[in-house]
Amino acid sequence: MDQGAAKTTDTRRPGASIERVQTGIRIERRMLKVLKALAEYKDMTLGDLIEGIVLHVFEGRLPFEAGTLKDIAELKRIYGLDLSAASSHRLDETLEEAPEEVGR
């Protein structure tokens, strides 16, 4: 995955026919910023980046080489992302209070 993902059907391996669906997911704000910046840096879409990460992890493989991990560390610093894998089961979403409705 670290070499970049194919963006056209012509460069994909035969048999990799897929159907994509649009989805709405909730994700930590700073994490999304890092992912979007990394996708932009690698000249790929956010969806392609996430698909590549997931496919690698599903096979027990690391999705990034050392150089990209350094880039990610710098993006995490820039966007203030201080979460780690150890944080994944301890995330507690802060819910903003809904504004009071006018006229009630």
PDB file of N, CA and C in Angstrom:
ATOM      1  N   MET A   1       0.815  -1.192   0.000  1.00  0.00           N
ATOM      2  CA  MET A   1       0.000   0.000   0.000  1.00  0.00           C
ATOM      3  C   MET A   1       0.851   1.245   0.000  1.00  0.00           C
ATOM      4  N   ASP A   2       2.006   1.194   0.561  1.00  0.00           N
ATOM      5  CA  ASP A   2       2.827   2.370   0.727  1.00  0.00           C
ATOM      6  C   ASP A   2       3.286   2.964  -0.601  1.00  0.00           C
ATOM      7  N   GLN A   3       3.234   2.208  -1.653  1.00  0.00           N
ATOM      8  CA  GLN A   3       3.671   2.696  -2.944  1.00  0.00           C
ATOM      9  C   GLN A   3       2.601   3.529  -3.636  1.00  0.00           C
ATOM     10  N   GLY A   4       1.422   3.622  -3.048  1.00  0.00           N
ATOM     11  CA  GLY A   4       0.311   4.368  -3.638  1.00  0.00           C
ATOM     12  C   GLY A   4      -0.690   3.396  -4.233  1.00  0.00           C
ATOM     13  N   ALA A   5      -1.925   3.797  -4.275  1.00  0.00           N
ATOM     14  CA  ALA A   5      -2.967   2.908  -4.783  1.00  0.00           C
ATOM     15  C   ALA A   5      -3.290   3.267  -6.221  1.00  0.00           C
ATOM     16  N   ALA A   6      -3.678   2.284  -6.977  1.00  0.00           N
ATOM     17  CA  ALA A   6      -4.076   2.514  -8.355  1.00  0.00           C
ATOM     18  C   ALA A   6      -5.346   3.353  -8.374  1.00  0.00           C
ATOM     19  N   LYS A   7      -5.384   4.322  -9.273  1.00  0.00           N
ATOM     20  CA  LYS A   7      -6.547   5.193  -9.335  1.00  0.00           C
ATOM     21  C   LYS A   7      -7.422   4.884 -10.546  1.00  0.00           C
ATOM     22  N   THR A   8      -6.908   4.122 -11.490  1.00  0.00           N
ATOM     23  CA  THR A   8      -7.717   3.788 -12.658  1.00  0.00           C
ATOM     24  C   THR A   8      -7.900   2.289 -12.729  1.00  0.00           C
ATOM     25  N   THR A   9      -8.977   1.883 -13.366  1.00  0.00           N
ATOM     26  CA  THR A   9      -9.268   0.457 -13.502  1.00  0.00           C
ATOM     27  C   THR A   9      -8.172  -0.235 -14.315  1.00  0.00           C
ATOM     28  N   ASP A  10      -7.546   0.473 -15.252  1.00  0.00           N
ATOM     29  CA  ASP A  10      -6.533  -0.128 -16.122  1.00  0.00           C
ATOM     30  C   ASP A  10      -5.353  -0.688 -15.351  1.00  0.00           C
ATOM     31  N   THR A  11      -4.961  -0.100 -14.229  1.00  0.00           N
ATOM     32  CA  THR A  11      -3.768  -0.525 -13.505  1.00  0.00           C
ATOM     33  C   THR A  11      -4.064  -1.533 -12.399  1.00  0.00           C
ATOM     34  N   ARG A  12      -5.318  -1.844 -12.179  1.00  0.00           N
ATOM     35  CA  ARG A  12      -5.670  -2.816 -11.142  1.00  0.00           C
ATOM     36  C   ARG A  12      -5.485  -4.216 -11.690  1.00  0.00           C
ATOM     37  N   ARG A  13      -5.164  -5.126 -10.801  1.00  0.00           N
ATOM     38  CA  ARG A  13      -5.028  -6.531 -11.193  1.00  0.00           C
ATOM     39  C   ARG A  13      -6.373  -7.082 -11.640  1.00  0.00           C
ATOM     40  N   PRO A  14      -6.362  -7.993 -12.612  1.00  0.00           N
ATOM     41  CA  PRO A  14      -7.619  -8.638 -13.004  1.00  0.00           C
ATOM     42  C   PRO A  14      -8.231  -9.363 -11.805  1.00  0.00           C
ATOM     43  N   GLY A  15      -9.538  -9.356 -11.734  1.00  0.00           N
ATOM     44  CA  GLY A  15     -10.214 -10.056 -10.640  1.00  0.00           C
ATOM     45  C   GLY A  15     -10.443  -9.193  -9.416  1.00  0.00           C
ATOM     46  N   ALA A  16     -10.049  -7.932  -9.466  1.00  0.00           N
ATOM     47  CA  ALA A  16     -10.228  -7.046  -8.316  1.00  0.00           C
ATOM     48  C   ALA A  16     -11.456  -6.174  -8.494  1.00  0.00           C
ATOM     49  N   SER A  17     -12.453  -6.695  -9.181  1.00  0.00           N
ATOM     50  CA  SER A  17     -13.684  -5.944  -9.407  1.00  0.00           C
ATOM     51  C   SER A  17     -14.404  -5.758  -8.077  1.00  0.00           C
ATOM     52  N   ILE A  18     -14.800  -4.541  -7.789  1.00  0.00           N
ATOM     53  CA  ILE A  18     -15.439  -4.232  -6.505  1.00  0.00           C
ATOM     54  C   ILE A  18     -16.663  -3.366  -6.719  1.00  0.00           C
ATOM     55  N   GLU A  19     -17.474  -3.268  -5.694  1.00  0.00           N
ATOM     56  CA  GLU A  19     -18.607  -2.352  -5.679  1.00  0.00           C
ATOM     57  C   GLU A  19     -18.451  -1.485  -4.442  1.00  0.00           C
ATOM     58  N   ARG A  20     -18.343  -0.193  -4.630  1.00  0.00           N
ATOM     59  CA  ARG A  20     -18.209   0.724  -3.500  1.00  0.00           C
ATOM     60  C   ARG A  20     -19.576   1.269  -3.118  1.00  0.00           C
ATOM     61  N   VAL A  21     -19.747   1.550  -1.835  1.00  0.00           N
ATOM     62  CA  VAL A  21     -20.970   2.160  -1.329  1.00  0.00           C
ATOM     63  C   VAL A  21     -20.598   3.412  -0.549  1.00  0.00           C
ATOM     64  N   GLN A  22     -21.488   4.374  -0.573  1.00  0.00           N
ATOM     65  CA  GLN A  22     -21.287   5.594   0.198  1.00  0.00           C
ATOM     66  C   GLN A  22     -21.726   5.328   1.627  1.00  0.00           C
ATOM     67  N   THR A  23     -20.925   5.754   2.579  1.00  0.00           N
ATOM     68  CA  THR A  23     -21.268   5.523   3.982  1.00  0.00           C
ATOM     69  C   THR A  23     -20.957   6.773   4.789  1.00  0.00           C
ATOM     70  N   GLY A  24     -21.613   6.887   5.890  1.00  0.00           N
ATOM     71  CA  GLY A  24     -21.327   7.983   6.804  1.00  0.00           C
ATOM     72  C   GLY A  24     -20.816   7.378   8.100  1.00  0.00           C
ATOM     73  N   ILE A  25     -19.576   7.637   8.423  1.00  0.00           N
ATOM     74  CA  ILE A  25     -19.021   7.106   9.669  1.00  0.00           C
ATOM     75  C   ILE A  25     -18.657   8.256  10.591  1.00  0.00           C
ATOM     76  N   ARG A  26     -18.664   7.979  11.874  1.00  0.00           N
ATOM     77  CA  ARG A  26     -18.211   8.963  12.854  1.00  0.00           C
ATOM     78  C   ARG A  26     -16.791   8.574  13.241  1.00  0.00           C
ATOM     79  N   ILE A  27     -15.906   9.547  13.245  1.00  0.00           N
ATOM     80  CA  ILE A  27     -14.496   9.286  13.530  1.00  0.00           C
ATOM     81  C   ILE A  27     -13.925  10.480  14.284  1.00  0.00           C
ATOM     82  N   GLU A  28     -12.967  10.237  15.113  1.00  0.00           N
ATOM     83  CA  GLU A  28     -12.343  11.302  15.915  1.00  0.00           C
ATOM     84  C   GLU A  28     -11.801  12.382  14.977  1.00  0.00           C
ATOM     85  N   ARG A  29     -12.085  13.619  15.312  1.00  0.00           N
ATOM     86  CA  ARG A  29     -11.787  14.772  14.454  1.00  0.00           C
ATOM     87  C   ARG A  29     -10.325  14.867  14.040  1.00  0.00           C
ATOM     88  N   ARG A  30      -9.400  14.782  14.999  1.00  0.00           N
ATOM     89  CA  ARG A  30      -7.976  14.923  14.679  1.00  0.00           C
ATOM     90  C   ARG A  30      -7.466  13.733  13.870  1.00  0.00           C
ATOM     91  N   MET A  31      -8.008  12.558  14.144  1.00  0.00           N
ATOM     92  CA  MET A  31      -7.629  11.366  13.388  1.00  0.00           C
ATOM     93  C   MET A  31      -8.013  11.529  11.920  1.00  0.00           C
ATOM     94  N   LEU A  32      -9.209  12.066  11.685  1.00  0.00           N
ATOM     95  CA  LEU A  32      -9.653  12.301  10.318  1.00  0.00           C
ATOM     96  C   LEU A  32      -8.736  13.297   9.615  1.00  0.00           C
ATOM     97  N   LYS A  33      -8.331  14.332  10.316  1.00  0.00           N
ATOM     98  CA  LYS A  33      -7.426  15.318   9.716  1.00  0.00           C
ATOM     99  C   LYS A  33      -6.108  14.673   9.298  1.00  0.00           C
ATOM    100  N   VAL A  34      -5.567  13.814  10.157  1.00  0.00           N
ATOM    101  CA  VAL A  34      -4.318  13.124   9.834  1.00  0.00           C
ATOM    102  C   VAL A  34      -4.514  12.210   8.628  1.00  0.00           C
ATOM    103  N   LEU A  35      -5.606  11.452   8.622  1.00  0.00           N
ATOM    104  CA  LEU A  35      -5.871  10.546   7.502  1.00  0.00           C
ATOM    105  C   LEU A  35      -6.048  11.315   6.191  1.00  0.00           C
ATOM    106  N   LYS A  36      -6.791  12.417   6.225  1.00  0.00           N
ATOM    107  CA  LYS A  36      -7.003  13.209   5.021  1.00  0.00           C
ATOM    108  C   LYS A  36      -5.692  13.811   4.523  1.00  0.00           C
ATOM    109  N   ALA A  37      -4.872  14.289   5.444  1.00  0.00           N
ATOM    110  CA  ALA A  37      -3.586  14.866   5.056  1.00  0.00           C
ATOM    111  C   ALA A  37      -2.669  13.793   4.469  1.00  0.00           C
ATOM    112  N   LEU A  38      -2.668  12.605   5.055  1.00  0.00           N
ATOM    113  CA  LEU A  38      -1.836  11.520   4.542  1.00  0.00           C
ATOM    114  C   LEU A  38      -2.312  11.100   3.153  1.00  0.00           C
ATOM    115  N   ALA A  39      -3.609  10.995   2.966  1.00  0.00           N
ATOM    116  CA  ALA A  39      -4.138  10.646   1.651  1.00  0.00           C
ATOM    117  C   ALA A  39      -3.732  11.686   0.613  1.00  0.00           C
ATOM    118  N   GLU A  40      -3.841  12.947   0.970  1.00  0.00           N
ATOM    119  CA  GLU A  40      -3.439  14.021   0.058  1.00  0.00           C
ATOM    120  C   GLU A  40      -1.950  13.922  -0.259  1.00  0.00           C
ATOM    121  N   TYR A  41      -1.139  13.695   0.759  1.00  0.00           N
ATOM    122  CA  TYR A  41       0.313  13.575   0.586  1.00  0.00           C
ATOM    123  C   TYR A  41       0.662  12.406  -0.337  1.00  0.00           C
ATOM    124  N   LYS A  42      -0.093  11.310  -0.229  1.00  0.00           N
ATOM    125  CA  LYS A  42       0.154  10.115  -1.044  1.00  0.00           C
ATOM    126  C   LYS A  42      -0.581  10.173  -2.383  1.00  0.00           C
ATOM    127  N   ASP A  43      -1.287  11.293  -2.641  1.00  0.00           N
ATOM    128  CA  ASP A  43      -2.027  11.504  -3.880  1.00  0.00           C
ATOM    129  C   ASP A  43      -3.040  10.386  -4.122  1.00  0.00           C
ATOM    130  N   MET A  44      -3.846  10.137  -3.097  1.00  0.00           N
ATOM    131  CA  MET A  44      -4.900   9.136  -3.200  1.00  0.00           C
ATOM    132  C   MET A  44      -6.126   9.645  -2.467  1.00  0.00           C
ATOM    133  N   THR A  45      -7.246   8.995  -2.694  1.00  0.00           N
ATOM    134  CA  THR A  45      -8.450   9.410  -1.990  1.00  0.00           C
ATOM    135  C   THR A  45      -8.423   8.871  -0.563  1.00  0.00           C
ATOM    136  N   LEU A  46      -9.207   9.485   0.288  1.00  0.00           N
ATOM    137  CA  LEU A  46      -9.332   9.005   1.661  1.00  0.00           C
ATOM    138  C   LEU A  46      -9.881   7.585   1.671  1.00  0.00           C
ATOM    139  N   GLY A  47     -10.854   7.306   0.817  1.00  0.00           N
ATOM    140  CA  GLY A  47     -11.419   5.964   0.733  1.00  0.00           C
ATOM    141  C   GLY A  47     -10.380   4.925   0.333  1.00  0.00           C
ATOM    142  N   ASP A  48      -9.544   5.250  -0.672  1.00  0.00           N
ATOM    143  CA  ASP A  48      -8.486   4.322  -1.093  1.00  0.00           C
ATOM    144  C   ASP A  48      -7.506   4.058   0.046  1.00  0.00           C
ATOM    145  N   LEU A  49      -7.158   5.109   0.793  1.00  0.00           N
ATOM    146  CA  LEU A  49      -6.238   4.954   1.918  1.00  0.00           C
ATOM    147  C   LEU A  49      -6.829   4.020   2.974  1.00  0.00           C
ATOM    148  N   ILE A  50      -8.071   4.265   3.346  1.00  0.00           N
ATOM    149  CA  ILE A  50      -8.710   3.443   4.377  1.00  0.00           C
ATOM    150  C   ILE A  50      -8.858   2.000   3.900  1.00  0.00           C
ATOM    151  N   GLU A  51      -9.262   1.806   2.636  1.00  0.00           N
ATOM    152  CA  GLU A  51      -9.365   0.441   2.106  1.00  0.00           C
ATOM    153  C   GLU A  51      -8.023  -0.279   2.177  1.00  0.00           C
ATOM    154  N   GLY A  52      -6.963   0.408   1.794  1.00  0.00           N
ATOM    155  CA  GLY A  52      -5.634  -0.205   1.834  1.00  0.00           C
ATOM    156  C   GLY A  52      -5.204  -0.567   3.247  1.00  0.00           C
ATOM    157  N   ILE A  53      -5.459   0.332   4.197  1.00  0.00           N
ATOM    158  CA  ILE A  53      -5.119   0.058   5.594  1.00  0.00           C
ATOM    159  C   ILE A  53      -5.865  -1.181   6.073  1.00  0.00           C
ATOM    160  N   VAL A  54      -7.164  -1.223   5.826  1.00  0.00           N
ATOM    161  CA  VAL A  54      -7.993  -2.334   6.297  1.00  0.00           C
ATOM    162  C   VAL A  54      -7.565  -3.656   5.655  1.00  0.00           C
ATOM    163  N   LEU A  55      -7.331  -3.654   4.348  1.00  0.00           N
ATOM    164  CA  LEU A  55      -6.925  -4.890   3.676  1.00  0.00           C
ATOM    165  C   LEU A  55      -5.609  -5.417   4.234  1.00  0.00           C
ATOM    166  N   HIS A  56      -4.658  -4.534   4.500  1.00  0.00           N
ATOM    167  CA  HIS A  56      -3.386  -4.965   5.095  1.00  0.00           C
ATOM    168  C   HIS A  56      -3.600  -5.540   6.493  1.00  0.00           C
ATOM    169  N   VAL A  57      -4.347  -4.832   7.312  1.00  0.00           N
ATOM    170  CA  VAL A  57      -4.560  -5.255   8.696  1.00  0.00           C
ATOM    171  C   VAL A  57      -5.344  -6.561   8.756  1.00  0.00           C
ATOM    172  N   PHE A  58      -6.304  -6.745   7.866  1.00  0.00           N
ATOM    173  CA  PHE A  58      -7.070  -8.000   7.839  1.00  0.00           C
ATOM    174  C   PHE A  58      -6.155  -9.209   7.594  1.00  0.00           C
ATOM    175  N   GLU A  59      -5.023  -8.980   6.928  1.00  0.00           N
ATOM    176  CA  GLU A  59      -4.067 -10.055   6.674  1.00  0.00           C
ATOM    177  C   GLU A  59      -2.952 -10.091   7.715  1.00  0.00           C
ATOM    178  N   GLY A  60      -3.064  -9.251   8.746  1.00  0.00           N
ATOM    179  CA  GLY A  60      -2.035  -9.214   9.781  1.00  0.00           C
ATOM    180  C   GLY A  60      -0.749  -8.551   9.323  1.00  0.00           C
ATOM    181  N   ARG A  61      -0.851  -7.732   8.281  1.00  0.00           N
ATOM    182  CA  ARG A  61       0.322  -7.041   7.738  1.00  0.00           C
ATOM    183  C   ARG A  61       0.274  -5.565   8.116  1.00  0.00           C
ATOM    184  N   LEU A  62       1.439  -4.960   8.231  1.00  0.00           N
ATOM    185  CA  LEU A  62       1.509  -3.527   8.493  1.00  0.00           C
ATOM    186  C   LEU A  62       1.265  -2.773   7.188  1.00  0.00           C
ATOM    187  N   PRO A  63       0.431  -1.740   7.208  1.00  0.00           N
ATOM    188  CA  PRO A  63       0.115  -1.030   5.973  1.00  0.00           C
ATOM    189  C   PRO A  63       1.154   0.015   5.563  1.00  0.00           C
ATOM    190  N   PHE A  64       2.076   0.366   6.462  1.00  0.00           N
ATOM    191  CA  PHE A  64       2.998   1.456   6.164  1.00  0.00           C
ATOM    192  C   PHE A  64       4.447   1.053   6.411  1.00  0.00           C
ATOM    193  N   GLU A  65       5.325   1.618   5.591  1.00  0.00           N
ATOM    194  CA  GLU A  65       6.769   1.454   5.776  1.00  0.00           C
ATOM    195  C   GLU A  65       7.272   2.518   6.747  1.00  0.00           C
ATOM    196  N   ALA A  66       8.521   2.386   7.150  1.00  0.00           N
ATOM    197  CA  ALA A  66       9.109   3.284   8.156  1.00  0.00           C
ATOM    198  C   ALA A  66       9.015   4.754   7.762  1.00  0.00           C
ATOM    199  N   GLY A  67       9.266   5.071   6.506  1.00  0.00           N
ATOM    200  CA  GLY A  67       9.212   6.471   6.068  1.00  0.00           C
ATOM    201  C   GLY A  67       7.831   7.073   6.222  1.00  0.00           C
ATOM    202  N   THR A  68       6.822   6.305   5.882  1.00  0.00           N
ATOM    203  CA  THR A  68       5.453   6.789   6.011  1.00  0.00           C
ATOM    204  C   THR A  68       5.060   6.914   7.476  1.00  0.00           C
ATOM    205  N   LEU A  69       5.552   6.016   8.316  1.00  0.00           N
ATOM    206  CA  LEU A  69       5.271   6.130   9.756  1.00  0.00           C
ATOM    207  C   LEU A  69       5.854   7.422  10.320  1.00  0.00           C
ATOM    208  N   LYS A  70       7.005   7.840   9.808  1.00  0.00           N
ATOM    209  CA  LYS A  70       7.588   9.126  10.232  1.00  0.00           C
ATOM    210  C   LYS A  70       6.701  10.280   9.777  1.00  0.00           C
ATOM    211  N   ASP A  71       6.198  10.182   8.551  1.00  0.00           N
ATOM    212  CA  ASP A  71       5.281  11.216   8.043  1.00  0.00           C
ATOM    213  C   ASP A  71       4.021  11.277   8.904  1.00  0.00           C
ATOM    214  N   ILE A  72       3.501  10.118   9.278  1.00  0.00           N
ATOM    215  CA  ILE A  72       2.303  10.067  10.114  1.00  0.00           C
ATOM    216  C   ILE A  72       2.570  10.689  11.475  1.00  0.00           C
ATOM    217  N   ALA A  73       3.733  10.403  12.051  1.00  0.00           N
ATOM    218  CA  ALA A  73       4.091  10.984  13.354  1.00  0.00           C
ATOM    219  C   ALA A  73       4.114  12.510  13.264  1.00  0.00           C
ATOM    220  N   GLU A  74       4.635  13.034  12.161  1.00  0.00           N
ATOM    221  CA  GLU A  74       4.676  14.487  11.984  1.00  0.00           C
ATOM    222  C   GLU A  74       3.265  15.052  11.808  1.00  0.00           C
ATOM    223  N   LEU A  75       2.427  14.377  11.053  1.00  0.00           N
ATOM    224  CA  LEU A  75       1.040  14.834  10.893  1.00  0.00           C
ATOM    225  C   LEU A  75       0.287  14.767  12.218  1.00  0.00           C
ATOM    226  N   LYS A  76       0.530  13.734  13.003  1.00  0.00           N
ATOM    227  CA  LYS A  76      -0.101  13.646  14.327  1.00  0.00           C
ATOM    228  C   LYS A  76       0.330  14.823  15.197  1.00  0.00           C
ATOM    229  N   ARG A  77       1.603  15.195  15.121  1.00  0.00           N
ATOM    230  CA  ARG A  77       2.092  16.336  15.894  1.00  0.00           C
ATOM    231  C   ARG A  77       1.413  17.619  15.424  1.00  0.00           C
ATOM    232  N   ILE A  78       1.348  17.810  14.116  1.00  0.00           N
ATOM    233  CA  ILE A  78       0.750  19.020  13.552  1.00  0.00           C
ATOM    234  C   ILE A  78      -0.710  19.170  13.973  1.00  0.00           C
ATOM    235  N   TYR A  79      -1.461  18.066  13.941  1.00  0.00           N
ATOM    236  CA  TYR A  79      -2.888  18.115  14.242  1.00  0.00           C
ATOM    237  C   TYR A  79      -3.217  17.793  15.699  1.00  0.00           C
ATOM    238  N   GLY A  80      -2.198  17.627  16.525  1.00  0.00           N
ATOM    239  CA  GLY A  80      -2.429  17.419  17.956  1.00  0.00           C
ATOM    240  C   GLY A  80      -3.074  16.090  18.293  1.00  0.00           C
ATOM    241  N   LEU A  81      -2.829  15.069  17.471  1.00  0.00           N
ATOM    242  CA  LEU A  81      -3.400  13.753  17.721  1.00  0.00           C
ATOM    243  C   LEU A  81      -2.481  12.983  18.667  1.00  0.00           C
ATOM    244  N   ASP A  82      -2.908  12.872  19.916  1.00  0.00           N
ATOM    245  CA  ASP A  82      -2.093  12.216  20.935  1.00  0.00           C
ATOM    246  C   ASP A  82      -2.626  10.836  21.304  1.00  0.00           C
ATOM    247  N   LEU A  83      -3.522  10.297  20.497  1.00  0.00           N
ATOM    248  CA  LEU A  83      -4.077   8.973  20.757  1.00  0.00           C
ATOM    249  C   LEU A  83      -3.144   7.902  20.197  1.00  0.00           C
ATOM    250  N   SER A  84      -3.201   6.715  20.794  1.00  0.00           N
ATOM    251  CA  SER A  84      -2.421   5.580  20.319  1.00  0.00           C
ATOM    252  C   SER A  84      -3.324   4.357  20.260  1.00  0.00           C
ATOM    253  N   ALA A  85      -2.767   3.236  19.832  1.00  0.00           N
ATOM    254  CA  ALA A  85      -3.545   1.998  19.788  1.00  0.00           C
ATOM    255  C   ALA A  85      -4.082   1.653  21.172  1.00  0.00           C
ATOM    256  N   ALA A  86      -3.330   1.967  22.197  1.00  0.00           N
ATOM    257  CA  ALA A  86      -3.773   1.692  23.569  1.00  0.00           C
ATOM    258  C   ALA A  86      -5.023   2.501  23.924  1.00  0.00           C
ATOM    259  N   SER A  87      -5.235   3.595  23.234  1.00  0.00           N
ATOM    260  CA  SER A  87      -6.409   4.442  23.494  1.00  0.00           C
ATOM    261  C   SER A  87      -7.684   3.878  22.891  1.00  0.00           C
ATOM    262  N   SER A  88      -7.561   2.940  21.963  1.00  0.00           N
ATOM    263  CA  SER A  88      -8.707   2.542  21.140  1.00  0.00           C
ATOM    264  C   SER A  88      -9.898   2.002  21.916  1.00  0.00           C
ATOM    265  N   HIS A  89      -9.678   1.377  23.042  1.00  0.00           N
ATOM    266  CA  HIS A  89     -10.810   0.834  23.813  1.00  0.00           C
ATOM    267  C   HIS A  89     -11.177   1.736  24.985  1.00  0.00           C
ATOM    268  N   ARG A  90     -10.587   2.921  25.022  1.00  0.00           N
ATOM    269  CA  ARG A  90     -10.851   3.837  26.137  1.00  0.00           C
ATOM    270  C   ARG A  90     -11.316   5.200  25.655  1.00  0.00           C
ATOM    271  N   LEU A  91     -11.781   5.302  24.424  1.00  0.00           N
ATOM    272  CA  LEU A  91     -12.227   6.587  23.898  1.00  0.00           C
ATOM    273  C   LEU A  91     -13.594   6.929  24.480  1.00  0.00           C
ATOM    274  N   ASP A  92     -13.700   8.138  24.988  1.00  0.00           N
ATOM    275  CA  ASP A  92     -14.941   8.595  25.607  1.00  0.00           C
ATOM    276  C   ASP A  92     -15.357   9.874  24.904  1.00  0.00           C
ATOM    277  N   GLU A  93     -16.403   9.792  24.103  1.00  0.00           N
ATOM    278  CA  GLU A  93     -16.839  10.935  23.327  1.00  0.00           C
ATOM    279  C   GLU A  93     -17.466  11.987  24.224  1.00  0.00           C
ATOM    280  N   THR A  94     -17.033  13.211  24.033  1.00  0.00           N
ATOM    281  CA  THR A  94     -17.616  14.331  24.749  1.00  0.00           C
ATOM    282  C   THR A  94     -18.794  14.816  23.929  1.00  0.00           C
ATOM    283  N   LEU A  95     -19.959  14.735  24.502  1.00  0.00           N
ATOM    284  CA  LEU A  95     -21.161  15.175  23.795  1.00  0.00           C
ATOM    285  C   LEU A  95     -21.419  16.641  24.086  1.00  0.00           C
ATOM    286  N   GLU A  96     -21.583  17.392  23.008  1.00  0.00           N
ATOM    287  CA  GLU A  96     -21.911  18.814  23.182  1.00  0.00           C
ATOM    288  C   GLU A  96     -23.384  18.919  23.531  1.00  0.00           C
ATOM    289  N   GLU A  97     -23.677  19.878  24.371  1.00  0.00           N
ATOM    290  CA  GLU A  97     -25.078  20.091  24.733  1.00  0.00           C
ATOM    291  C   GLU A  97     -25.820  20.675  23.546  1.00  0.00           C
ATOM    292  N   ALA A  98     -27.000  20.149  23.293  1.00  0.00           N
ATOM    293  CA  ALA A  98     -27.814  20.664  22.207  1.00  0.00           C
ATOM    294  C   ALA A  98     -28.289  22.071  22.550  1.00  0.00           C
ATOM    295  N   PRO A  99     -28.241  22.969  21.574  1.00  0.00           N
ATOM    296  CA  PRO A  99     -28.737  24.334  21.844  1.00  0.00           C
ATOM    297  C   PRO A  99     -30.219  24.310  22.133  1.00  0.00           C
ATOM    298  N   GLU A 100     -30.634  25.197  23.019  1.00  0.00           N
ATOM    299  CA  GLU A 100     -32.058  25.251  23.350  1.00  0.00           C
ATOM    300  C   GLU A 100     -32.837  25.757  22.151  1.00  0.00           C
ATOM    301  N   GLU A 101     -33.994  25.135  21.938  1.00  0.00           N
ATOM    302  CA  GLU A 101     -34.820  25.552  20.820  1.00  0.00           C
ATOM    303  C   GLU A 101     -35.493  26.872  21.148  1.00  0.00           C
ATOM    304  N   VAL A 102     -35.556  27.750  20.180  1.00  0.00           N
ATOM    305  CA  VAL A 102     -36.196  29.045  20.346  1.00  0.00           C
ATOM    306  C   VAL A 102     -37.706  28.855  20.353  1.00  0.00           C
ATOM    307  N   GLY A 103     -38.390  29.500  21.258  1.00  0.00           N
ATOM    308  CA  GLY A 103     -39.833  29.446  21.311  1.00  0.00           C
ATOM    309  C   GLY A 103     -40.376  28.317  22.155  1.00  0.00           C
ATOM    310  N   ARG A 104     -39.536  27.612  22.851  1.00  0.00           N
ATOM    311  CA  ARG A 104     -40.044  26.528  23.715  1.00  0.00           C
ATOM    312  C   ARG A 104     -39.788  26.846  25.135  1.00  0.00           C
TER     313      ARG A 104
END
